[in-house]
Amino acid sequence: MVLPGVDPEKYKADVARYKLEKDDIRKDAEALDAKADEWNHKSDAKMHQHHQWALATTAEQIAISLAAITLLTRK
């Protein structure tokens, strides 16, 4: 159905242009998603390393506390 006074060819050209733009935008979005996934992986690796250091620090603090208790109670 064509409305009177409307040029359907103009809209067909717009549809084709939007399809091309959509493909370019999708490709850019997929590239950004891949980059985000890469950075998420790097972040997970650094967070694991941080947790290991946090556990080591906790163990060191416990050892210092036990040494202090031992010295204070002389046992």
PDB file of N, CA and C in Angstrom:
ATOM      1  N   MET A   1       0.844  -1.172   0.000  1.00  0.00           N
ATOM      2  CA  MET A   1       0.000   0.000   0.000  1.00  0.00           C
ATOM      3  C   MET A   1       0.890   1.236   0.000  1.00  0.00           C
ATOM      4  N   VAL A   2       0.662   2.110  -0.945  1.00  0.00           N
ATOM      5  CA  VAL A   2       1.447   3.334  -1.068  1.00  0.00           C
ATOM      6  C   VAL A   2       0.536   4.512  -0.768  1.00  0.00           C
ATOM      7  N   LEU A   3       1.002   5.373   0.103  1.00  0.00           N
ATOM      8  CA  LEU A   3       0.230   6.562   0.442  1.00  0.00           C
ATOM      9  C   LEU A   3       0.398   7.616  -0.647  1.00  0.00           C
ATOM     10  N   PRO A   4      -0.624   8.389  -0.905  1.00  0.00           N
ATOM     11  CA  PRO A   4      -0.508   9.424  -1.928  1.00  0.00           C
ATOM     12  C   PRO A   4       0.500  10.497  -1.503  1.00  0.00           C
ATOM     13  N   GLY A   5       1.332  10.916  -2.433  1.00  0.00           N
ATOM     14  CA  GLY A   5       2.316  11.960  -2.170  1.00  0.00           C
ATOM     15  C   GLY A   5       3.574  11.461  -1.480  1.00  0.00           C
ATOM     16  N   VAL A   6       3.719  10.142  -1.370  1.00  0.00           N
ATOM     17  CA  VAL A   6       4.890   9.569  -0.702  1.00  0.00           C
ATOM     18  C   VAL A   6       5.739   8.870  -1.752  1.00  0.00           C
ATOM     19  N   ASP A   7       7.033   9.126  -1.699  1.00  0.00           N
ATOM     20  CA  ASP A   7       7.967   8.515  -2.642  1.00  0.00           C
ATOM     21  C   ASP A   7       8.539   7.238  -2.024  1.00  0.00           C
ATOM     22  N   PRO A   8       8.074   6.053  -2.427  1.00  0.00           N
ATOM     23  CA  PRO A   8       8.552   4.800  -1.815  1.00  0.00           C
ATOM     24  C   PRO A   8      10.027   4.539  -2.082  1.00  0.00           C
ATOM     25  N   GLU A   9      10.564   5.054  -3.166  1.00  0.00           N
ATOM     26  CA  GLU A   9      11.990   4.831  -3.472  1.00  0.00           C
ATOM     27  C   GLU A   9      12.884   5.487  -2.431  1.00  0.00           C
ATOM     28  N   LYS A  10      12.456   6.639  -1.941  1.00  0.00           N
ATOM     29  CA  LYS A  10      13.235   7.331  -0.909  1.00  0.00           C
ATOM     30  C   LYS A  10      13.340   6.451   0.338  1.00  0.00           C
ATOM     31  N   TYR A  11      12.246   5.843   0.704  1.00  0.00           N
ATOM     32  CA  TYR A  11      12.237   5.013   1.896  1.00  0.00           C
ATOM     33  C   TYR A  11      12.991   3.702   1.684  1.00  0.00           C
ATOM     34  N   LYS A  12      12.962   3.182   0.477  1.00  0.00           N
ATOM     35  CA  LYS A  12      13.739   1.980   0.179  1.00  0.00           C
ATOM     36  C   LYS A  12      15.219   2.274   0.315  1.00  0.00           C
ATOM     37  N   ALA A  13      15.643   3.443  -0.129  1.00  0.00           N
ATOM     38  CA  ALA A  13      17.046   3.836   0.025  1.00  0.00           C
ATOM     39  C   ALA A  13      17.404   3.981   1.498  1.00  0.00           C
ATOM     40  N   ASP A  14      16.489   4.548   2.288  1.00  0.00           N
ATOM     41  CA  ASP A  14      16.730   4.682   3.728  1.00  0.00           C
ATOM     42  C   ASP A  14      16.865   3.317   4.391  1.00  0.00           C
ATOM     43  N   VAL A  15      16.022   2.388   3.992  1.00  0.00           N
ATOM     44  CA  VAL A  15      16.077   1.038   4.556  1.00  0.00           C
ATOM     45  C   VAL A  15      17.422   0.393   4.238  1.00  0.00           C
ATOM     46  N   ALA A  16      17.876   0.533   3.019  1.00  0.00           N
ATOM     47  CA  ALA A  16      19.167  -0.041   2.627  1.00  0.00           C
ATOM     48  C   ALA A  16      20.305   0.608   3.417  1.00  0.00           C
ATOM     49  N   ARG A  17      20.220   1.922   3.582  1.00  0.00           N
ATOM     50  CA  ARG A  17      21.264   2.628   4.344  1.00  0.00           C
ATOM     51  C   ARG A  17      21.266   2.171   5.800  1.00  0.00           C
ATOM     52  N   TYR A  18      20.093   2.024   6.394  1.00  0.00           N
ATOM     53  CA  TYR A  18      19.999   1.574   7.779  1.00  0.00           C
ATOM     54  C   TYR A  18      20.546   0.154   7.942  1.00  0.00           C
ATOM     55  N   LYS A  19      20.318  -0.700   6.952  1.00  0.00           N
ATOM     56  CA  LYS A  19      20.853  -2.068   7.019  1.00  0.00           C
ATOM     57  C   LYS A  19      22.378  -2.038   7.016  1.00  0.00           C
ATOM     58  N   LEU A  20      22.967  -1.198   6.177  1.00  0.00           N
ATOM     59  CA  LEU A  20      24.426  -1.078   6.142  1.00  0.00           C
ATOM     60  C   LEU A  20      24.960  -0.520   7.461  1.00  0.00           C
ATOM     61  N   GLU A  21      24.315   0.505   7.972  1.00  0.00           N
ATOM     62  CA  GLU A  21      24.748   1.086   9.239  1.00  0.00           C
ATOM     63  C   GLU A  21      24.623   0.069  10.373  1.00  0.00           C
ATOM     64  N   LYS A  22      23.551  -0.708  10.345  1.00  0.00           N
ATOM     65  CA  LYS A  22      23.329  -1.702  11.392  1.00  0.00           C
ATOM     66  C   LYS A  22      24.466  -2.720  11.405  1.00  0.00           C
ATOM     67  N   ASP A  23      24.897  -3.160  10.219  1.00  0.00           N
ATOM     68  CA  ASP A  23      25.986  -4.124  10.139  1.00  0.00           C
ATOM     69  C   ASP A  23      27.289  -3.533  10.670  1.00  0.00           C
ATOM     70  N   ASP A  24      27.570  -2.278  10.329  1.00  0.00           N
ATOM     71  CA  ASP A  24      28.789  -1.629  10.825  1.00  0.00           C
ATOM     72  C   ASP A  24      28.741  -1.473  12.342  1.00  0.00           C
ATOM     73  N   ILE A  25      27.587  -1.064  12.853  1.00  0.00           N
ATOM     74  CA  ILE A  25      27.439  -0.891  14.298  1.00  0.00           C
ATOM     75  C   ILE A  25      27.578  -2.232  15.004  1.00  0.00           C
ATOM     76  N   ARG A  26      26.999  -3.291  14.420  1.00  0.00           N
ATOM     77  CA  ARG A  26      27.098  -4.623  15.032  1.00  0.00           C
ATOM     78  C   ARG A  26      28.547  -5.081  15.073  1.00  0.00           C
ATOM     79  N   LYS A  27      29.300  -4.849  13.977  1.00  0.00           N
ATOM     80  CA  LYS A  27      30.708  -5.246  13.948  1.00  0.00           C
ATOM     81  C   LYS A  27      31.505  -4.498  15.008  1.00  0.00           C
ATOM     82  N   ASP A  28      31.247  -3.194  15.144  1.00  0.00           N
ATOM     83  CA  ASP A  28      31.929  -2.410  16.178  1.00  0.00           C
ATOM     84  C   ASP A  28      31.576  -2.920  17.570  1.00  0.00           C
ATOM     85  N   ALA A  29      30.312  -3.236  17.778  1.00  0.00           N
ATOM     86  CA  ALA A  29      29.874  -3.732  19.087  1.00  0.00           C
ATOM     87  C   ALA A  29      30.509  -5.079  19.406  1.00  0.00           C
ATOM     88  N   GLU A  30      30.607  -5.953  18.409  1.00  0.00           N
ATOM     89  CA  GLU A  30      31.238  -7.253  18.634  1.00  0.00           C
ATOM     90  C   GLU A  30      32.716  -7.090  18.958  1.00  0.00           C
ATOM     91  N   ALA A  31      33.386  -6.143  18.298  1.00  0.00           N
ATOM     92  CA  ALA A  31      34.800  -5.885  18.597  1.00  0.00           C
ATOM     93  C   ALA A  31      34.952  -5.370  20.024  1.00  0.00           C
ATOM     94  N   LEU A  32      34.062  -4.476  20.433  1.00  0.00           N
ATOM     95  CA  LEU A  32      34.117  -3.964  21.804  1.00  0.00           C
ATOM     96  C   LEU A  32      33.814  -5.064  22.820  1.00  0.00           C
ATOM     97  N   ASP A  33      32.878  -5.950  22.494  1.00  0.00           N
ATOM     98  CA  ASP A  33      32.581  -7.080  23.385  1.00  0.00           C
ATOM     99  C   ASP A  33      33.796  -7.983  23.546  1.00  0.00           C
ATOM    100  N   ALA A  34      34.499  -8.236  22.455  1.00  0.00           N
ATOM    101  CA  ALA A  34      35.691  -9.079  22.520  1.00  0.00           C
ATOM    102  C   ALA A  34      36.762  -8.417  23.386  1.00  0.00           C
ATOM    103  N   LYS A  35      36.917  -7.114  23.221  1.00  0.00           N
ATOM    104  CA  LYS A  35      37.905  -6.389  24.025  1.00  0.00           C
ATOM    105  C   LYS A  35      37.502  -6.399  25.494  1.00  0.00           C
ATOM    106  N   ALA A  36      36.212  -6.229  25.770  1.00  0.00           N
ATOM    107  CA  ALA A  36      35.728  -6.267  27.149  1.00  0.00           C
ATOM    108  C   ALA A  36      35.962  -7.642  27.770  1.00  0.00           C
ATOM    109  N   ASP A  37      35.727  -8.707  26.996  1.00  0.00           N
ATOM    110  CA  ASP A  37      35.977 -10.062  27.495  1.00  0.00           C
ATOM    111  C   ASP A  37      37.455 -10.250  27.832  1.00  0.00           C
ATOM    112  N   GLU A  38      38.331  -9.721  26.986  1.00  0.00           N
ATOM    113  CA  GLU A  38      39.776  -9.823  27.237  1.00  0.00           C
ATOM    114  C   GLU A  38      40.146  -9.102  28.536  1.00  0.00           C
ATOM    115  N   TRP A  39      39.615  -7.909  28.732  1.00  0.00           N
ATOM    116  CA  TRP A  39      39.919  -7.155  29.947  1.00  0.00           C
ATOM    117  C   TRP A  39      39.290  -7.809  31.177  1.00  0.00           C
ATOM    118  N   ASN A  40      38.129  -8.418  31.028  1.00  0.00           N
ATOM    119  CA  ASN A  40      37.529  -9.147  32.151  1.00  0.00           C
ATOM    120  C   ASN A  40      38.406 -10.320  32.567  1.00  0.00           C
ATOM    121  N   HIS A  41      38.976 -11.015  31.585  1.00  0.00           N
ATOM    122  CA  HIS A  41      39.880 -12.126  31.894  1.00  0.00           C
ATOM    123  C   HIS A  41      41.119 -11.620  32.632  1.00  0.00           C
ATOM    124  N   LYS A  42      41.690 -10.518  32.157  1.00  0.00           N
ATOM    125  CA  LYS A  42      42.858  -9.939  32.827  1.00  0.00           C
ATOM    126  C   LYS A  42      42.500  -9.509  34.246  1.00  0.00           C
ATOM    127  N   SER A  43      41.320  -8.929  34.405  1.00  0.00           N
ATOM    128  CA  SER A  43      40.874  -8.495  35.726  1.00  0.00           C
ATOM    129  C   SER A  43      40.708  -9.684  36.672  1.00  0.00           C
ATOM    130  N   ASP A  44      40.137 -10.779  36.168  1.00  0.00           N
ATOM    131  CA  ASP A  44      39.973 -11.981  36.990  1.00  0.00           C
ATOM    132  C   ASP A  44      41.325 -12.522  37.446  1.00  0.00           C
ATOM    133  N   ALA A  45      42.310 -12.509  36.548  1.00  0.00           N
ATOM    134  CA  ALA A  45      43.645 -12.995  36.900  1.00  0.00           C
ATOM    135  C   ALA A  45      44.269 -12.120  37.984  1.00  0.00           C
ATOM    136  N   LYS A  46      44.136 -10.813  37.850  1.00  0.00           N
ATOM    137  CA  LYS A  46      44.690  -9.892  38.858  1.00  0.00           C
ATOM    138  C   LYS A  46      43.948 -10.038  40.187  1.00  0.00           C
ATOM    139  N   MET A  47      42.631 -10.252  40.127  1.00  0.00           N
ATOM    140  CA  MET A  47      41.862 -10.412  41.358  1.00  0.00           C
ATOM    141  C   MET A  47      42.275 -11.693  42.083  1.00  0.00           C
ATOM    142  N   HIS A  48      42.561 -12.753  41.335  1.00  0.00           N
ATOM    143  CA  HIS A  48      43.040 -13.994  41.953  1.00  0.00           C
ATOM    144  C   HIS A  48      44.368 -13.743  42.656  1.00  0.00           C
ATOM    145  N   GLN A  49      45.259 -13.026  41.997  1.00  0.00           N
ATOM    146  CA  GLN A  49      46.552 -12.693  42.592  1.00  0.00           C
ATOM    147  C   GLN A  49      46.351 -11.849  43.855  1.00  0.00           C
ATOM    148  N   HIS A  50      45.441 -10.912  43.814  1.00  0.00           N
ATOM    149  CA  HIS A  50      45.141 -10.082  44.978  1.00  0.00           C
ATOM    150  C   HIS A  50      44.643 -10.932  46.143  1.00  0.00           C
ATOM    151  N   HIS A  51      43.756 -11.889  45.859  1.00  0.00           N
ATOM    152  CA  HIS A  51      43.240 -12.757  46.926  1.00  0.00           C
ATOM    153  C   HIS A  51      44.356 -13.592  47.540  1.00  0.00           C
ATOM    154  N   GLN A  52      45.289 -14.051  46.722  1.00  0.00           N
ATOM    155  CA  GLN A  52      46.411 -14.824  47.251  1.00  0.00           C
ATOM    156  C   GLN A  52      47.253 -13.967  48.203  1.00  0.00           C
ATOM    157  N   TRP A  53      47.523 -12.729  47.810  1.00  0.00           N
ATOM    158  CA  TRP A  53      48.282 -11.822  48.670  1.00  0.00           C
ATOM    159  C   TRP A  53      47.501 -11.496  49.943  1.00  0.00           C
ATOM    160  N   ALA A  54      46.189 -11.349  49.830  1.00  0.00           N
ATOM    161  CA  ALA A  54      45.362 -11.070  51.008  1.00  0.00           C
ATOM    162  C   ALA A  54      45.401 -12.239  51.987  1.00  0.00           C
ATOM    163  N   LEU A  55      45.360 -13.462  51.470  1.00  0.00           N
ATOM    164  CA  LEU A  55      45.465 -14.641  52.348  1.00  0.00           C
ATOM    165  C   LEU A  55      46.836 -14.703  53.015  1.00  0.00           C
ATOM    166  N   ALA A  56      47.874 -14.406  52.276  1.00  0.00           N
ATOM    167  CA  ALA A  56      49.233 -14.423  52.837  1.00  0.00           C
ATOM    168  C   ALA A  56      49.367 -13.365  53.936  1.00  0.00           C
ATOM    169  N   THR A  57      48.800 -12.194  53.708  1.00  0.00           N
ATOM    170  CA  THR A  57      48.863 -11.119  54.706  1.00  0.00           C
ATOM    171  C   THR A  57      48.097 -11.516  55.966  1.00  0.00           C
ATOM    172  N   THR A  58      46.967 -12.154  55.801  1.00  0.00           N
ATOM    173  CA  THR A  58      46.186 -12.614  56.951  1.00  0.00           C
ATOM    174  C   THR A  58      46.969 -13.644  57.754  1.00  0.00           C
ATOM    175  N   ALA A  59      47.604 -14.575  57.076  1.00  0.00           N
ATOM    176  CA  ALA A  59      48.411 -15.583  57.769  1.00  0.00           C
ATOM    177  C   ALA A  59      49.574 -14.925  58.517  1.00  0.00           C
ATOM    178  N   GLU A  60      50.182 -13.920  57.907  1.00  0.00           N
ATOM    179  CA  GLU A  60      51.284 -13.212  58.562  1.00  0.00           C
ATOM    180  C   GLU A  60      50.789 -12.480  59.812  1.00  0.00           C
ATOM    181  N   GLN A  61      49.624 -11.857  59.721  1.00  0.00           N
ATOM    182  CA  GLN A  61      49.073 -11.150  60.875  1.00  0.00           C
ATOM    183  C   GLN A  61      48.735 -12.117  62.004  1.00  0.00           C
ATOM    184  N   ILE A  62      48.230 -13.290  61.652  1.00  0.00           N
ATOM    185  CA  ILE A  62      47.939 -14.303  62.674  1.00  0.00           C
ATOM    186  C   ILE A  62      49.229 -14.753  63.341  1.00  0.00           C
ATOM    187  N   ALA A  63      50.273 -14.956  62.549  1.00  0.00           N
ATOM    188  CA  ALA A  63      51.562 -15.373  63.111  1.00  0.00           C
ATOM    189  C   ALA A  63      52.115 -14.305  64.044  1.00  0.00           C
ATOM    190  N   ILE A  64      52.012 -13.043  63.660  1.00  0.00           N
ATOM    191  CA  ILE A  64      52.488 -11.957  64.527  1.00  0.00           C
ATOM    192  C   ILE A  64      51.682 -11.919  65.820  1.00  0.00           C
ATOM    193  N   SER A  65      50.375 -12.102  65.719  1.00  0.00           N
ATOM    194  CA  SER A  65      49.523 -12.103  66.916  1.00  0.00           C
ATOM    195  C   SER A  65      49.888 -13.254  67.844  1.00  0.00           C
ATOM    196  N   LEU A  66      50.115 -14.434  67.288  1.00  0.00           N
ATOM    197  CA  LEU A  66      50.492 -15.590  68.115  1.00  0.00           C
ATOM    198  C   LEU A  66      51.851 -15.368  68.764  1.00  0.00           C
ATOM    199  N   ALA A  67      52.788 -14.768  68.035  1.00  0.00           N
ATOM    200  CA  ALA A  67      54.098 -14.480  68.615  1.00  0.00           C
ATOM    201  C   ALA A  67      53.972 -13.465  69.739  1.00  0.00           C
ATOM    202  N   ALA A  68      53.141 -12.457  69.556  1.00  0.00           N
ATOM    203  CA  ALA A  68      52.948 -11.447  70.603  1.00  0.00           C
ATOM    204  C   ALA A  68      52.300 -12.061  71.831  1.00  0.00           C
ATOM    205  N   ILE A  69      51.306 -12.910  71.640  1.00  0.00           N
ATOM    206  CA  ILE A  69      50.649 -13.581  72.774  1.00  0.00           C
ATOM    207  C   ILE A  69      51.652 -14.458  73.506  1.00  0.00           C
ATOM    208  N   THR A  70      52.467 -15.155  72.738  1.00  0.00           N
ATOM    209  CA  THR A  70      53.486 -16.026  73.358  1.00  0.00           C
ATOM    210  C   THR A  70      54.473 -15.209  74.193  1.00  0.00           C
ATOM    211  N   LEU A  71      54.913 -14.093  73.668  1.00  0.00           N
ATOM    212  CA  LEU A  71      55.859 -13.254  74.403  1.00  0.00           C
ATOM    213  C   LEU A  71      55.218 -12.638  75.645  1.00  0.00           C
ATOM    214  N   LEU A  72      53.969 -12.212  75.516  1.00  0.00           N
ATOM    215  CA  LEU A  72      53.294 -11.577  76.649  1.00  0.00           C
ATOM    216  C   LEU A  72      52.955 -12.553  77.759  1.00  0.00           C
ATOM    217  N   THR A  73      52.602 -13.779  77.419  1.00  0.00           N
ATOM    218  CA  THR A  73      52.254 -14.777  78.434  1.00  0.00           C
ATOM    219  C   THR A  73      53.462 -15.585  78.866  1.00  0.00           C
ATOM    220  N   ARG A  74      54.555 -15.451  78.146  1.00  0.00           N
ATOM    221  CA  ARG A  74      55.817 -16.172  78.411  1.00  0.00           C
ATOM    222  C   ARG A  74      55.609 -17.668  78.484  1.00  0.00           C
ATOM    223  N   LYS A  75      54.814 -18.173  77.553  1.00  0.00           N
ATOM    224  CA  LYS A  75      54.587 -19.611  77.482  1.00  0.00           C
ATOM    225  C   LYS A  75      54.978 -20.125  76.149  1.00  0.00           C
TER     226      LYS A  75
END
